[in-house]
Amino acid sequence: MTKREAASLVATDADVAVTIQMLPGARRAPGTVLVHDGRDPWAEIVVRAESIGLLELAATPLRFDLPDVMTSDGRDVVRKLLRGRIRVHGMLRHLGTVRRLSMLLSAR
């Protein structure tokens, strides 16, 4: 049985959410991604931010699949994470899923 990895992105200002489910194999093609409308209550990762914060997170340059603190955009995103303007629940427990989500959002 393969591991199910899911991340919900919640735009707090627009009151909308989407869930991205990453399926590594099984009967589907390797690396299959399913997108669902709404928040998955069992998602390992939940990212909550205003719409612009989610866009900035997706546009941030990456280093080692995490925001690159060597760039000003990367430092801005890390600053927002530390101040709670972008909240990522489950980040430390599911760092691998966070890294895969970052790569997926950055279209790498």
PDB file of N, CA and C in Angstrom:
ATOM      1  N   MET A   1       0.844  -1.176   0.000  1.00  0.00           N
ATOM      2  CA  MET A   1       0.000   0.000   0.000  1.00  0.00           C
ATOM      3  C   MET A   1       0.890   1.240   0.000  1.00  0.00           C
ATOM      4  N   THR A   2       0.534   2.232  -0.803  1.00  0.00           N
ATOM      5  CA  THR A   2       1.344   3.437  -0.885  1.00  0.00           C
ATOM      6  C   THR A   2       0.860   4.483   0.108  1.00  0.00           C
ATOM      7  N   LYS A   3       1.779   5.371   0.441  1.00  0.00           N
ATOM      8  CA  LYS A   3       1.462   6.428   1.394  1.00  0.00           C
ATOM      9  C   LYS A   3       0.638   7.513   0.719  1.00  0.00           C
ATOM     10  N   ARG A   4      -0.389   7.952   1.396  1.00  0.00           N
ATOM     11  CA  ARG A   4      -1.219   9.042   0.906  1.00  0.00           C
ATOM     12  C   ARG A   4      -0.697  10.336   1.505  1.00  0.00           C
ATOM     13  N   GLU A   5      -0.396  11.311   0.667  1.00  0.00           N
ATOM     14  CA  GLU A   5       0.058  12.613   1.128  1.00  0.00           C
ATOM     15  C   GLU A   5      -0.928  13.652   0.617  1.00  0.00           C
ATOM     16  N   ALA A   6      -1.445  14.470   1.523  1.00  0.00           N
ATOM     17  CA  ALA A   6      -2.397  15.499   1.119  1.00  0.00           C
ATOM     18  C   ALA A   6      -2.067  16.805   1.817  1.00  0.00           C
ATOM     19  N   ALA A   7      -2.309  17.893   1.088  1.00  0.00           N
ATOM     20  CA  ALA A   7      -2.106  19.230   1.632  1.00  0.00           C
ATOM     21  C   ALA A   7      -3.302  20.080   1.256  1.00  0.00           C
ATOM     22  N   SER A   8      -3.835  20.771   2.238  1.00  0.00           N
ATOM     23  CA  SER A   8      -4.946  21.691   1.978  1.00  0.00           C
ATOM     24  C   SER A   8      -4.416  23.116   2.004  1.00  0.00           C
ATOM     25  N   LEU A   9      -4.794  23.885   0.986  1.00  0.00           N
ATOM     26  CA  LEU A   9      -4.435  25.298   0.908  1.00  0.00           C
ATOM     27  C   LEU A   9      -5.703  26.094   1.164  1.00  0.00           C
ATOM     28  N   VAL A  10      -5.679  26.951   2.170  1.00  0.00           N
ATOM     29  CA  VAL A  10      -6.866  27.708   2.574  1.00  0.00           C
ATOM     30  C   VAL A  10      -6.577  29.194   2.399  1.00  0.00           C
ATOM     31  N   ALA A  11      -7.355  29.850   1.534  1.00  0.00           N
ATOM     32  CA  ALA A  11      -7.254  31.299   1.358  1.00  0.00           C
ATOM     33  C   ALA A  11      -8.229  31.937   2.340  1.00  0.00           C
ATOM     34  N   THR A  12      -7.693  32.479   3.418  1.00  0.00           N
ATOM     35  CA  THR A  12      -8.533  32.971   4.507  1.00  0.00           C
ATOM     36  C   THR A  12      -9.373  34.182   4.118  1.00  0.00           C
ATOM     37  N   ASP A  13      -8.866  35.036   3.236  1.00  0.00           N
ATOM     38  CA  ASP A  13      -9.611  36.234   2.855  1.00  0.00           C
ATOM     39  C   ASP A  13     -10.735  35.927   1.871  1.00  0.00           C
ATOM     40  N   ALA A  14     -10.612  34.865   1.115  1.00  0.00           N
ATOM     41  CA  ALA A  14     -11.630  34.513   0.118  1.00  0.00           C
ATOM     42  C   ALA A  14     -12.548  33.400   0.607  1.00  0.00           C
ATOM     43  N   ASP A  15     -12.231  32.812   1.763  1.00  0.00           N
ATOM     44  CA  ASP A  15     -13.015  31.721   2.343  1.00  0.00           C
ATOM     45  C   ASP A  15     -13.168  30.555   1.356  1.00  0.00           C
ATOM     46  N   VAL A  16     -12.050  30.196   0.714  1.00  0.00           N
ATOM     47  CA  VAL A  16     -12.023  29.050  -0.190  1.00  0.00           C
ATOM     48  C   VAL A  16     -10.836  28.165   0.168  1.00  0.00           C
ATOM     49  N   ALA A  17     -10.932  26.904  -0.226  1.00  0.00           N
ATOM     50  CA  ALA A  17      -9.850  25.958   0.044  1.00  0.00           C
ATOM     51  C   ALA A  17      -9.770  24.950  -1.099  1.00  0.00           C
ATOM     52  N   VAL A  18      -8.590  24.381  -1.239  1.00  0.00           N
ATOM     53  CA  VAL A  18      -8.352  23.323  -2.216  1.00  0.00           C
ATOM     54  C   VAL A  18      -7.421  22.308  -1.563  1.00  0.00           C
ATOM     55  N   THR A  19      -7.594  21.059  -1.910  1.00  0.00           N
ATOM     56  CA  THR A  19      -6.726  20.010  -1.398  1.00  0.00           C
ATOM     57  C   THR A  19      -5.963  19.387  -2.550  1.00  0.00           C
ATOM     58  N   ILE A  20      -4.669  19.253  -2.356  1.00  0.00           N
ATOM     59  CA  ILE A  20      -3.804  18.604  -3.336  1.00  0.00           C
ATOM     60  C   ILE A  20      -3.369  17.283  -2.723  1.00  0.00           C
ATOM     61  N   GLN A  21      -3.685  16.212  -3.411  1.00  0.00           N
ATOM     62  CA  GLN A  21      -3.330  14.880  -2.926  1.00  0.00           C
ATOM     63  C   GLN A  21      -2.272  14.308  -3.854  1.00  0.00           C
ATOM     64  N   MET A  22      -1.115  13.955  -3.285  1.00  0.00           N
ATOM     65  CA  MET A  22       0.006  13.429  -4.067  1.00  0.00           C
ATOM     66  C   MET A  22       0.073  11.922  -3.861  1.00  0.00           C
ATOM     67  N   LEU A  23      -0.077  11.186  -4.931  1.00  0.00           N
ATOM     68  CA  LEU A  23      -0.095   9.726  -4.853  1.00  0.00           C
ATOM     69  C   LEU A  23       1.119   9.162  -5.568  1.00  0.00           C
ATOM     70  N   PRO A  24       2.082   8.601  -4.853  1.00  0.00           N
ATOM     71  CA  PRO A  24       3.300   8.075  -5.486  1.00  0.00           C
ATOM     72  C   PRO A  24       3.139   6.652  -5.984  1.00  0.00           C
ATOM     73  N   GLY A  25       2.383   6.458  -7.034  1.00  0.00           N
ATOM     74  CA  GLY A  25       2.309   5.121  -7.615  1.00  0.00           C
ATOM     75  C   GLY A  25       0.966   4.467  -7.478  1.00  0.00           C
ATOM     76  N   ALA A  26       0.956   3.282  -6.915  1.00  0.00           N
ATOM     77  CA  ALA A  26      -0.234   2.416  -6.826  1.00  0.00           C
ATOM     78  C   ALA A  26      -0.677   2.056  -8.238  1.00  0.00           C
ATOM     79  N   ARG A  27      -1.966   2.066  -8.495  1.00  0.00           N
ATOM     80  CA  ARG A  27      -2.466   1.722  -9.827  1.00  0.00           C
ATOM     81  C   ARG A  27      -2.411   2.908 -10.775  1.00  0.00           C
ATOM     82  N   ARG A  28      -2.172   4.075 -10.220  1.00  0.00           N
ATOM     83  CA  ARG A  28      -2.067   5.268 -11.059  1.00  0.00           C
ATOM     84  C   ARG A  28      -0.614   5.432 -11.497  1.00  0.00           C
ATOM     85  N   ALA A  29      -0.397   6.387 -12.393  1.00  0.00           N
ATOM     86  CA  ALA A  29       0.966   6.676 -12.836  1.00  0.00           C
ATOM     87  C   ALA A  29       1.763   7.253 -11.665  1.00  0.00           C
ATOM     88  N   PRO A  30       3.058   6.967 -11.583  1.00  0.00           N
ATOM     89  CA  PRO A  30       3.877   7.525 -10.497  1.00  0.00           C
ATOM     90  C   PRO A  30       3.807   9.053 -10.487  1.00  0.00           C
ATOM     91  N   GLY A  31       3.694   9.588  -9.304  1.00  0.00           N
ATOM     92  CA  GLY A  31       3.645  11.039  -9.187  1.00  0.00           C
ATOM     93  C   GLY A  31       2.295  11.639  -9.521  1.00  0.00           C
ATOM     94  N   THR A  32       1.240  10.878  -9.447  1.00  0.00           N
ATOM     95  CA  THR A  32      -0.086  11.390  -9.755  1.00  0.00           C
ATOM     96  C   THR A  32      -0.516  12.414  -8.711  1.00  0.00           C
ATOM     97  N   VAL A  33      -1.149  13.478  -9.172  1.00  0.00           N
ATOM     98  CA  VAL A  33      -1.648  14.525  -8.284  1.00  0.00           C
ATOM     99  C   VAL A  33      -3.152  14.662  -8.526  1.00  0.00           C
ATOM    100  N   LEU A  34      -3.920  14.621  -7.444  1.00  0.00           N
ATOM    101  CA  LEU A  34      -5.354  14.844  -7.505  1.00  0.00           C
ATOM    102  C   LEU A  34      -5.667  16.150  -6.801  1.00  0.00           C
ATOM    103  N   VAL A  35      -6.542  16.945  -7.378  1.00  0.00           N
ATOM    104  CA  VAL A  35      -6.930  18.215  -6.782  1.00  0.00           C
ATOM    105  C   VAL A  35      -8.414  18.157  -6.478  1.00  0.00           C
ATOM    106  N   HIS A  36      -8.768  18.492  -5.237  1.00  0.00           N
ATOM    107  CA  HIS A  36     -10.156  18.468  -4.787  1.00  0.00           C
ATOM    108  C   HIS A  36     -10.547  19.854  -4.299  1.00  0.00           C
ATOM    109  N   ASP A  37     -11.791  20.210  -4.520  1.00  0.00           N
ATOM    110  CA  ASP A  37     -12.320  21.451  -3.974  1.00  0.00           C
ATOM    111  C   ASP A  37     -12.570  21.263  -2.486  1.00  0.00           C
ATOM    112  N   GLY A  38     -12.165  22.215  -1.692  1.00  0.00           N
ATOM    113  CA  GLY A  38     -12.412  22.169  -0.262  1.00  0.00           C
ATOM    114  C   GLY A  38     -11.234  21.635   0.529  1.00  0.00           C
ATOM    115  N   ARG A  39     -11.356  21.742   1.853  1.00  0.00           N
ATOM    116  CA  ARG A  39     -10.301  21.322   2.777  1.00  0.00           C
ATOM    117  C   ARG A  39     -10.519  19.869   3.174  1.00  0.00           C
ATOM    118  N   ASP A  40      -9.448  19.093   3.135  1.00  0.00           N
ATOM    119  CA  ASP A  40      -9.482  17.698   3.573  1.00  0.00           C
ATOM    120  C   ASP A  40      -9.191  17.670   5.069  1.00  0.00           C
ATOM    121  N   PRO A  41     -10.125  17.185   5.888  1.00  0.00           N
ATOM    122  CA  PRO A  41      -9.879  17.177   7.341  1.00  0.00           C
ATOM    123  C   PRO A  41      -8.743  16.239   7.752  1.00  0.00           C
ATOM    124  N   TRP A  42      -8.313  15.325   6.877  1.00  0.00           N
ATOM    125  CA  TRP A  42      -7.233  14.393   7.191  1.00  0.00           C
ATOM    126  C   TRP A  42      -5.918  14.776   6.510  1.00  0.00           C
ATOM    127  N   ALA A  43      -5.847  15.949   5.926  1.00  0.00           N
ATOM    128  CA  ALA A  43      -4.623  16.383   5.254  1.00  0.00           C
ATOM    129  C   ALA A  43      -3.483  16.515   6.256  1.00  0.00           C
ATOM    130  N   GLU A  44      -2.306  16.028   5.865  1.00  0.00           N
ATOM    131  CA  GLU A  44      -1.137  16.110   6.733  1.00  0.00           C
ATOM    132  C   GLU A  44      -0.660  17.551   6.882  1.00  0.00           C
ATOM    133  N   ILE A  45      -0.820  18.339   5.819  1.00  0.00           N
ATOM    134  CA  ILE A  45      -0.359  19.719   5.781  1.00  0.00           C
ATOM    135  C   ILE A  45      -1.563  20.619   5.518  1.00  0.00           C
ATOM    136  N   VAL A  46      -1.672  21.693   6.279  1.00  0.00           N
ATOM    137  CA  VAL A  46      -2.698  22.714   6.035  1.00  0.00           C
ATOM    138  C   VAL A  46      -1.993  24.066   6.008  1.00  0.00           C
ATOM    139  N   VAL A  47      -2.077  24.725   4.850  1.00  0.00           N
ATOM    140  CA  VAL A  47      -1.474  26.044   4.682  1.00  0.00           C
ATOM    141  C   VAL A  47      -2.606  27.063   4.696  1.00  0.00           C
ATOM    142  N   ARG A  48      -2.548  27.998   5.648  1.00  0.00           N
ATOM    143  CA  ARG A  48      -3.567  29.029   5.784  1.00  0.00           C
ATOM    144  C   ARG A  48      -2.908  30.393   5.615  1.00  0.00           C
ATOM    145  N   ALA A  49      -3.446  31.180   4.675  1.00  0.00           N
ATOM    146  CA  ALA A  49      -2.921  32.524   4.438  1.00  0.00           C
ATOM    147  C   ALA A  49      -3.921  33.276   3.585  1.00  0.00           C
ATOM    148  N   GLU A  50      -3.714  34.593   3.495  1.00  0.00           N
ATOM    149  CA  GLU A  50      -4.491  35.366   2.538  1.00  0.00           C
ATOM    150  C   GLU A  50      -4.069  34.929   1.137  1.00  0.00           C
ATOM    151  N   SER A  51      -4.906  35.210   0.166  1.00  0.00           N
ATOM    152  CA  SER A  51      -4.649  34.781  -1.221  1.00  0.00           C
ATOM    153  C   SER A  51      -3.278  35.216  -1.709  1.00  0.00           C
ATOM    154  N   ILE A  52      -2.916  36.458  -1.440  1.00  0.00           N
ATOM    155  CA  ILE A  52      -1.617  36.961  -1.902  1.00  0.00           C
ATOM    156  C   ILE A  52      -0.466  36.208  -1.240  1.00  0.00           C
ATOM    157  N   GLY A  53      -0.639  35.819   0.009  1.00  0.00           N
ATOM    158  CA  GLY A  53       0.392  35.045   0.699  1.00  0.00           C
ATOM    159  C   GLY A  53       0.588  33.681   0.065  1.00  0.00           C
ATOM    160  N   LEU A  54      -0.497  33.039  -0.358  1.00  0.00           N
ATOM    161  CA  LEU A  54      -0.386  31.746  -1.039  1.00  0.00           C
ATOM    162  C   LEU A  54       0.327  31.897  -2.380  1.00  0.00           C
ATOM    163  N   LEU A  55       0.018  32.979  -3.095  1.00  0.00           N
ATOM    164  CA  LEU A  55       0.701  33.231  -4.372  1.00  0.00           C
ATOM    165  C   LEU A  55       2.188  33.499  -4.158  1.00  0.00           C
ATOM    166  N   GLU A  56       2.517  34.271  -3.135  1.00  0.00           N
ATOM    167  CA  GLU A  56       3.923  34.553  -2.836  1.00  0.00           C
ATOM    168  C   GLU A  56       4.654  33.274  -2.446  1.00  0.00           C
ATOM    169  N   LEU A  57       3.996  32.423  -1.700  1.00  0.00           N
ATOM    170  CA  LEU A  57       4.603  31.154  -1.307  1.00  0.00           C
ATOM    171  C   LEU A  57       4.903  30.296  -2.538  1.00  0.00           C
ATOM    172  N   ALA A  58       3.977  30.270  -3.487  1.00  0.00           N
ATOM    173  CA  ALA A  58       4.174  29.476  -4.701  1.00  0.00           C
ATOM    174  C   ALA A  58       5.263  30.073  -5.603  1.00  0.00           C
ATOM    175  N   ALA A  59       5.431  31.403  -5.559  1.00  0.00           N
ATOM    176  CA  ALA A  59       6.396  32.064  -6.438  1.00  0.00           C
ATOM    177  C   ALA A  59       7.782  32.190  -5.835  1.00  0.00           C
ATOM    178  N   THR A  60       7.952  31.780  -4.597  1.00  0.00           N
ATOM    179  CA  THR A  60       9.238  31.937  -3.910  1.00  0.00           C
ATOM    180  C   THR A  60      10.296  31.005  -4.494  1.00  0.00           C
ATOM    181  N   PRO A  61      11.485  31.517  -4.771  1.00  0.00           N
ATOM    182  CA  PRO A  61      12.572  30.649  -5.228  1.00  0.00           C
ATOM    183  C   PRO A  61      12.923  29.625  -4.140  1.00  0.00           C
ATOM    184  N   LEU A  62      13.281  28.433  -4.571  1.00  0.00           N
ATOM    185  CA  LEU A  62      13.577  27.354  -3.630  1.00  0.00           C
ATOM    186  C   LEU A  62      15.059  27.010  -3.606  1.00  0.00           C
ATOM    187  N   ARG A  63      15.500  26.551  -2.440  1.00  0.00           N
ATOM    188  CA  ARG A  63      16.827  25.975  -2.272  1.00  0.00           C
ATOM    189  C   ARG A  63      16.623  24.745  -1.396  1.00  0.00           C
ATOM    190  N   PHE A  64      17.040  23.601  -1.880  1.00  0.00           N
ATOM    191  CA  PHE A  64      16.803  22.333  -1.187  1.00  0.00           C
ATOM    192  C   PHE A  64      15.309  22.114  -0.962  1.00  0.00           C
ATOM    193  N   ASP A  65      14.503  22.548  -1.938  1.00  0.00           N
ATOM    194  CA  ASP A  65      13.046  22.369  -1.958  1.00  0.00           C
ATOM    195  C   ASP A  65      12.316  23.146  -0.871  1.00  0.00           C
ATOM    196  N   LEU A  66      12.962  24.130  -0.265  1.00  0.00           N
ATOM    197  CA  LEU A  66      12.346  25.012   0.729  1.00  0.00           C
ATOM    198  C   LEU A  66      12.644  26.456   0.319  1.00  0.00           C
ATOM    199  N   PRO A  67      11.900  27.447   0.850  1.00  0.00           N
ATOM    200  CA  PRO A  67      12.169  28.834   0.449  1.00  0.00           C
ATOM    201  C   PRO A  67      13.637  29.212   0.627  1.00  0.00           C
ATOM    202  N   ASP A  68      14.184  29.836  -0.406  1.00  0.00           N
ATOM    203  CA  ASP A  68      15.595  30.213  -0.422  1.00  0.00           C
ATOM    204  C   ASP A  68      15.794  31.509   0.360  1.00  0.00           C
ATOM    205  N   VAL A  69      16.399  31.414   1.526  1.00  0.00           N
ATOM    206  CA  VAL A  69      16.610  32.592   2.372  1.00  0.00           C
ATOM    207  C   VAL A  69      17.743  33.482   1.856  1.00  0.00           C
ATOM    208  N   MET A  70      18.425  33.056   0.807  1.00  0.00           N
ATOM    209  CA  MET A  70      19.472  33.873   0.207  1.00  0.00           C
ATOM    210  C   MET A  70      18.885  34.928  -0.733  1.00  0.00           C
ATOM    211  N   THR A  71      17.584  34.837  -1.027  1.00  0.00           N
ATOM    212  CA  THR A  71      16.913  35.822  -1.878  1.00  0.00           C
ATOM    213  C   THR A  71      15.959  36.652  -1.028  1.00  0.00           C
ATOM    214  N   SER A  72      15.673  37.857  -1.483  1.00  0.00           N
ATOM    215  CA  SER A  72      14.766  38.720  -0.707  1.00  0.00           C
ATOM    216  C   SER A  72      13.352  38.134  -0.678  1.00  0.00           C
ATOM    217  N   ASP A  73      12.894  37.531  -1.783  1.00  0.00           N
ATOM    218  CA  ASP A  73      11.562  36.908  -1.790  1.00  0.00           C
ATOM    219  C   ASP A  73      11.491  35.757  -0.792  1.00  0.00           C
ATOM    220  N   GLY A  74      12.537  34.962  -0.736  1.00  0.00           N
ATOM    221  CA  GLY A  74      12.582  33.847   0.205  1.00  0.00           C
ATOM    222  C   GLY A  74      12.571  34.324   1.646  1.00  0.00           C
ATOM    223  N   ARG A  75      13.335  35.381   1.931  1.00  0.00           N
ATOM    224  CA  ARG A  75      13.347  35.941   3.285  1.00  0.00           C
ATOM    225  C   ARG A  75      11.984  36.520   3.653  1.00  0.00           C
ATOM    226  N   ASP A  76      11.301  37.155   2.698  1.00  0.00           N
ATOM    227  CA  ASP A  76       9.969  37.708   2.965  1.00  0.00           C
ATOM    228  C   ASP A  76       8.984  36.609   3.347  1.00  0.00           C
ATOM    229  N   VAL A  77       9.031  35.495   2.627  1.00  0.00           N
ATOM    230  CA  VAL A  77       8.124  34.379   2.930  1.00  0.00           C
ATOM    231  C   VAL A  77       8.451  33.784   4.295  1.00  0.00           C
ATOM    232  N   VAL A  78       9.724  33.600   4.595  1.00  0.00           N
ATOM    233  CA  VAL A  78      10.116  33.065   5.907  1.00  0.00           C
ATOM    234  C   VAL A  78       9.675  34.025   7.009  1.00  0.00           C
ATOM    235  N   ARG A  79       9.816  35.318   6.775  1.00  0.00           N
ATOM    236  CA  ARG A  79       9.376  36.321   7.756  1.00  0.00           C
ATOM    237  C   ARG A  79       7.865  36.190   7.998  1.00  0.00           C
ATOM    238  N   LYS A  80       7.090  36.012   6.925  1.00  0.00           N
ATOM    239  CA  LYS A  80       5.635  35.853   7.069  1.00  0.00           C
ATOM    240  C   LYS A  80       5.293  34.561   7.803  1.00  0.00           C
ATOM    241  N   LEU A  81       6.075  33.521   7.567  1.00  0.00           N
ATOM    242  CA  LEU A  81       5.865  32.271   8.301  1.00  0.00           C
ATOM    243  C   LEU A  81       6.127  32.473   9.796  1.00  0.00           C
ATOM    244  N   LEU A  82       7.210  33.165  10.131  1.00  0.00           N
ATOM    245  CA  LEU A  82       7.563  33.385  11.532  1.00  0.00           C
ATOM    246  C   LEU A  82       6.575  34.309  12.240  1.00  0.00           C
ATOM    247  N   ARG A  83       6.002  35.250  11.511  1.00  0.00           N
ATOM    248  CA  ARG A  83       5.035  36.184  12.097  1.00  0.00           C
ATOM    249  C   ARG A  83       3.612  35.636  12.106  1.00  0.00           C
ATOM    250  N   GLY A  84       3.398  34.475  11.486  1.00  0.00           N
ATOM    251  CA  GLY A  84       2.079  33.867  11.487  1.00  0.00           C
ATOM    252  C   GLY A  84       1.138  34.370  10.412  1.00  0.00           C
ATOM    253  N   ARG A  85       1.644  35.146   9.457  1.00  0.00           N
ATOM    254  CA  ARG A  85       0.788  35.600   8.344  1.00  0.00           C
ATOM    255  C   ARG A  85       0.548  34.475   7.358  1.00  0.00           C
ATOM    256  N   ILE A  86       1.488  33.556   7.280  1.00  0.00           N
ATOM    257  CA  ILE A  86       1.316  32.290   6.553  1.00  0.00           C
ATOM    258  C   ILE A  86       1.507  31.204   7.595  1.00  0.00           C
ATOM    259  N   ARG A  87       0.494  30.371   7.752  1.00  0.00           N
ATOM    260  CA  ARG A  87       0.570  29.293   8.751  1.00  0.00           C
ATOM    261  C   ARG A  87       0.594  27.949   8.037  1.00  0.00           C
ATOM    262  N   VAL A  88       1.540  27.126   8.432  1.00  0.00           N
ATOM    263  CA  VAL A  88       1.660  25.787   7.852  1.00  0.00           C
ATOM    264  C   VAL A  88       1.569  24.786   8.997  1.00  0.00           C
ATOM    265  N   HIS A  89       0.419  24.171   9.136  1.00  0.00           N
ATOM    266  CA  HIS A  89       0.217  23.173  10.178  1.00  0.00           C
ATOM    267  C   HIS A  89       0.737  21.826   9.686  1.00  0.00           C
ATOM    268  N   GLY A  90       1.529  21.158  10.509  1.00  0.00           N
ATOM    269  CA  GLY A  90       2.101  19.867  10.152  1.00  0.00           C
ATOM    270  C   GLY A  90       3.446  19.961   9.480  1.00  0.00           C
ATOM    271  N   MET A  91       4.027  21.152   9.448  1.00  0.00           N
ATOM    272  CA  MET A  91       5.274  21.367   8.716  1.00  0.00           C
ATOM    273  C   MET A  91       6.420  20.527   9.273  1.00  0.00           C
ATOM    274  N   LEU A  92       6.584  20.479  10.565  1.00  0.00           N
ATOM    275  CA  LEU A  92       7.722  19.751  11.138  1.00  0.00           C
ATOM    276  C   LEU A  92       7.510  18.238  11.108  1.00  0.00           C
ATOM    277  N   ARG A  93       6.303  17.783  11.319  1.00  0.00           N
ATOM    278  CA  ARG A  93       6.028  16.341  11.333  1.00  0.00           C
ATOM    279  C   ARG A  93       6.054  15.733   9.934  1.00  0.00           C
ATOM    280  N   HIS A  94       5.765  16.544   8.913  1.00  0.00           N
ATOM    281  CA  HIS A  94       5.665  16.033   7.537  1.00  0.00           C
ATOM    282  C   HIS A  94       6.530  16.877   6.596  1.00  0.00           C
ATOM    283  N   LEU A  95       7.778  17.067   6.955  1.00  0.00           N
ATOM    284  CA  LEU A  95       8.670  17.911   6.171  1.00  0.00           C
ATOM    285  C   LEU A  95       8.834  17.406   4.733  1.00  0.00           C
ATOM    286  N   GLY A  96       8.851  16.098   4.543  1.00  0.00           N
ATOM    287  CA  GLY A  96       8.948  15.543   3.188  1.00  0.00           C
ATOM    288  C   GLY A  96       7.765  15.948   2.329  1.00  0.00           C
ATOM    289  N   THR A  97       6.573  15.926   2.898  1.00  0.00           N
ATOM    290  CA  THR A  97       5.374  16.340   2.166  1.00  0.00           C
ATOM    291  C   THR A  97       5.436  17.831   1.863  1.00  0.00           C
ATOM    292  N   VAL A  98       5.926  18.631   2.802  1.00  0.00           N
ATOM    293  CA  VAL A  98       6.076  20.073   2.580  1.00  0.00           C
ATOM    294  C   VAL A  98       7.041  20.322   1.432  1.00  0.00           C
ATOM    295  N   ARG A  99       8.135  19.590   1.396  1.00  0.00           N
ATOM    296  CA  ARG A  99       9.116  19.756   0.317  1.00  0.00           C
ATOM    297  C   ARG A  99       8.510  19.385  -1.040  1.00  0.00           C
ATOM    298  N   ARG A 100       7.776  18.274  -1.096  1.00  0.00           N
ATOM    299  CA  ARG A 100       7.146  17.872  -2.361  1.00  0.00           C
ATOM    300  C   ARG A 100       6.083  18.883  -2.784  1.00  0.00           C
ATOM    301  N   LEU A 101       5.324  19.402  -1.831  1.00  0.00           N
ATOM    302  CA  LEU A 101       4.327  20.432  -2.147  1.00  0.00           C
ATOM    303  C   LEU A 101       4.998  21.692  -2.672  1.00  0.00           C
ATOM    304  N   SER A 102       6.098  22.101  -2.066  1.00  0.00           N
ATOM    305  CA  SER A 102       6.839  23.275  -2.526  1.00  0.00           C
ATOM    306  C   SER A 102       7.310  23.101  -3.964  1.00  0.00           C
ATOM    307  N   MET A 103       7.845  21.931  -4.263  1.00  0.00           N
ATOM    308  CA  MET A 103       8.304  21.657  -5.635  1.00  0.00           C
ATOM    309  C   MET A 103       7.131  21.668  -6.606  1.00  0.00           C
ATOM    310  N   LEU A 104       6.008  21.114  -6.195  1.00  0.00           N
ATOM    311  CA  LEU A 104       4.830  21.071  -7.065  1.00  0.00           C
ATOM    312  C   LEU A 104       4.306  22.467  -7.330  1.00  0.00           C
ATOM    313  N   LEU A 105       4.198  23.296  -6.304  1.00  0.00           N
ATOM    314  CA  LEU A 105       3.691  24.650  -6.468  1.00  0.00           C
ATOM    315  C   LEU A 105       4.619  25.534  -7.286  1.00  0.00           C
ATOM    316  N   SER A 106       5.920  25.256  -7.200  1.00  0.00           N
ATOM    317  CA  SER A 106       6.874  26.070  -7.956  1.00  0.00           C
ATOM    318  C   SER A 106       7.020  25.586  -9.400  1.00  0.00           C
ATOM    319  N   ALA A 107       6.345  24.480  -9.732  1.00  0.00           N
ATOM    320  CA  ALA A 107       6.368  23.905 -11.093  1.00  0.00           C
ATOM    321  C   ALA A 107       7.763  23.494 -11.511  1.00  0.00           C
ATOM    322  N   ARG A 108       8.526  22.928 -10.580  1.00  0.00           N
ATOM    323  CA  ARG A 108       9.873  22.437 -10.893  1.00  0.00           C
ATOM    324  C   ARG A 108       9.822  21.023 -11.348  1.00  0.00           C
TER     325      ARG A 108
END
